[in-house]
Protein backbone atom coordinates (compact mmCIF):
# COMPACT_ATOMS: atom_id res chain seq x y z
CA MET A 1 14.94 -13.26 26.29
CA PRO A 2 16.30 -14.31 29.42
CA ARG A 3 18.55 -12.01 31.76
CA TYR A 4 21.86 -13.57 32.28
CA THR A 5 23.50 -13.18 36.17
CA ARG A 6 26.30 -15.83 35.32
CA LEU A 7 28.00 -16.36 32.25
CA PRO A 8 26.60 -19.00 29.97
CA ALA A 9 28.75 -21.06 27.83
CA LEU A 10 30.04 -18.89 24.92
CA SER A 11 31.77 -20.06 21.56
CA GLY A 12 34.34 -18.40 19.83
CA LYS A 13 31.92 -17.20 17.28
CA LYS A 14 29.42 -15.95 19.71
CA LEU A 15 32.01 -13.98 21.63
CA ILE A 16 33.50 -12.46 18.37
CA LYS A 17 30.36 -11.17 17.37
CA LEU A 18 29.58 -9.55 21.11
CA LEU A 19 33.04 -7.81 20.78
CA GLN A 20 32.16 -6.41 17.44
CA LYS A 21 29.11 -4.84 18.71
CA ASP A 22 31.05 -3.43 21.59
CA GLY A 23 33.51 -1.65 18.86
CA TRP A 24 36.01 -4.45 18.25
CA SER A 25 37.23 -4.67 14.56
CA ILE A 26 38.43 -7.74 12.75
CA LYS A 27 41.74 -7.26 11.98
CA ARG A 28 42.96 -10.48 10.49
CA ARG A 29 41.68 -14.08 10.18
CA ALA A 30 43.93 -17.03 10.71
CA GLN A 31 43.83 -20.85 11.36
CA HIS A 32 43.90 -20.42 14.75
CA GLY A 33 41.51 -17.68 15.39
CA VAL A 34 40.47 -13.95 14.65
CA ALA A 35 42.33 -11.04 15.76
CA LEU A 36 40.23 -8.13 17.02
CA ALA A 37 41.27 -4.57 17.62
CA LYS A 38 39.95 -1.56 19.27
CA LEU A 39 41.40 1.80 19.59
CA PHE A 40 41.47 3.49 22.94
CA ALA A 41 42.80 6.79 23.88
CA ASP A 42 46.28 5.66 24.89
CA ARG A 43 46.90 2.60 22.71
CA THR A 44 45.26 -0.17 20.50
CA ARG A 45 44.37 -3.28 22.26
CA VAL A 46 44.64 -6.66 19.91
CA THR A 47 43.25 -9.85 21.07
CA VAL A 48 42.87 -13.22 19.32
CA VAL A 49 39.69 -15.16 19.65
CA PRO A 50 39.43 -18.77 18.69
CA ASP A 51 37.12 -19.21 15.82
CA SER A 52 35.02 -22.16 16.75
CA ASN A 53 31.42 -23.41 17.36
CA ALA A 54 32.80 -25.42 20.62
CA PRO A 55 32.49 -23.53 24.01
CA LEU A 56 35.19 -21.76 25.00
CA ASP A 57 37.09 -23.08 28.56
CA ASP A 58 36.48 -20.99 31.36
CA GLY A 59 40.37 -20.24 31.67
CA THR A 60 40.30 -19.08 27.65
CA LEU A 61 37.14 -16.65 28.13
CA ALA A 62 38.60 -15.53 31.39
CA ALA A 63 41.80 -14.49 29.94
CA ILE A 64 40.32 -12.78 26.97
CA VAL A 65 37.85 -10.69 29.12
CA GLY A 66 40.79 -10.14 31.59
CA ARG A 67 43.01 -6.79 32.08
CA LYS A 68 45.81 -7.99 29.69
CA GLN A 69 43.67 -8.56 26.51
CA THR A 70 40.23 -6.83 26.13
CA ASN A 71 40.17 -5.48 29.59
CA ILE A 72 35.85 -5.58 29.49
CA GLY A 73 35.64 -7.92 32.60
CA LYS A 74 33.12 -10.07 33.31
CA ARG A 75 30.29 -7.65 34.43
CA ARG A 76 30.57 -5.63 31.28
CA LEU A 77 30.55 -9.20 29.18
CA LEU A 78 27.26 -10.07 30.92
CA GLU A 79 25.64 -6.38 29.95
CA LEU A 80 26.76 -6.96 26.52
CA ILE A 81 25.09 -10.39 26.56
CA ASN A 82 21.84 -9.06 28.21
CA ARG A 83 21.64 -6.22 25.55
CA PHE A 84 22.43 -8.09 22.35
CA GLY A 85 21.84 -11.67 23.22
CA VAL A 86 23.74 -14.84 22.95
């Protein structure tokens, strides 16, 4: 399995699987996407990921892994990809 140093093109379905392996759980499925939630010490974070096979736009992916939604960052996402595969 190749080690990634840059983020590959990820579909919504692949990102959902990676987030589930990081401890996020599916709370609701809707037409526009899947709501994922994770309990932290101070609060529960909820984010919606598009449920599609098409690659996510760079801005959409950056927003999902950013501080306001999942707060995992690009470095942690790369660790998940290298650990569990794409």
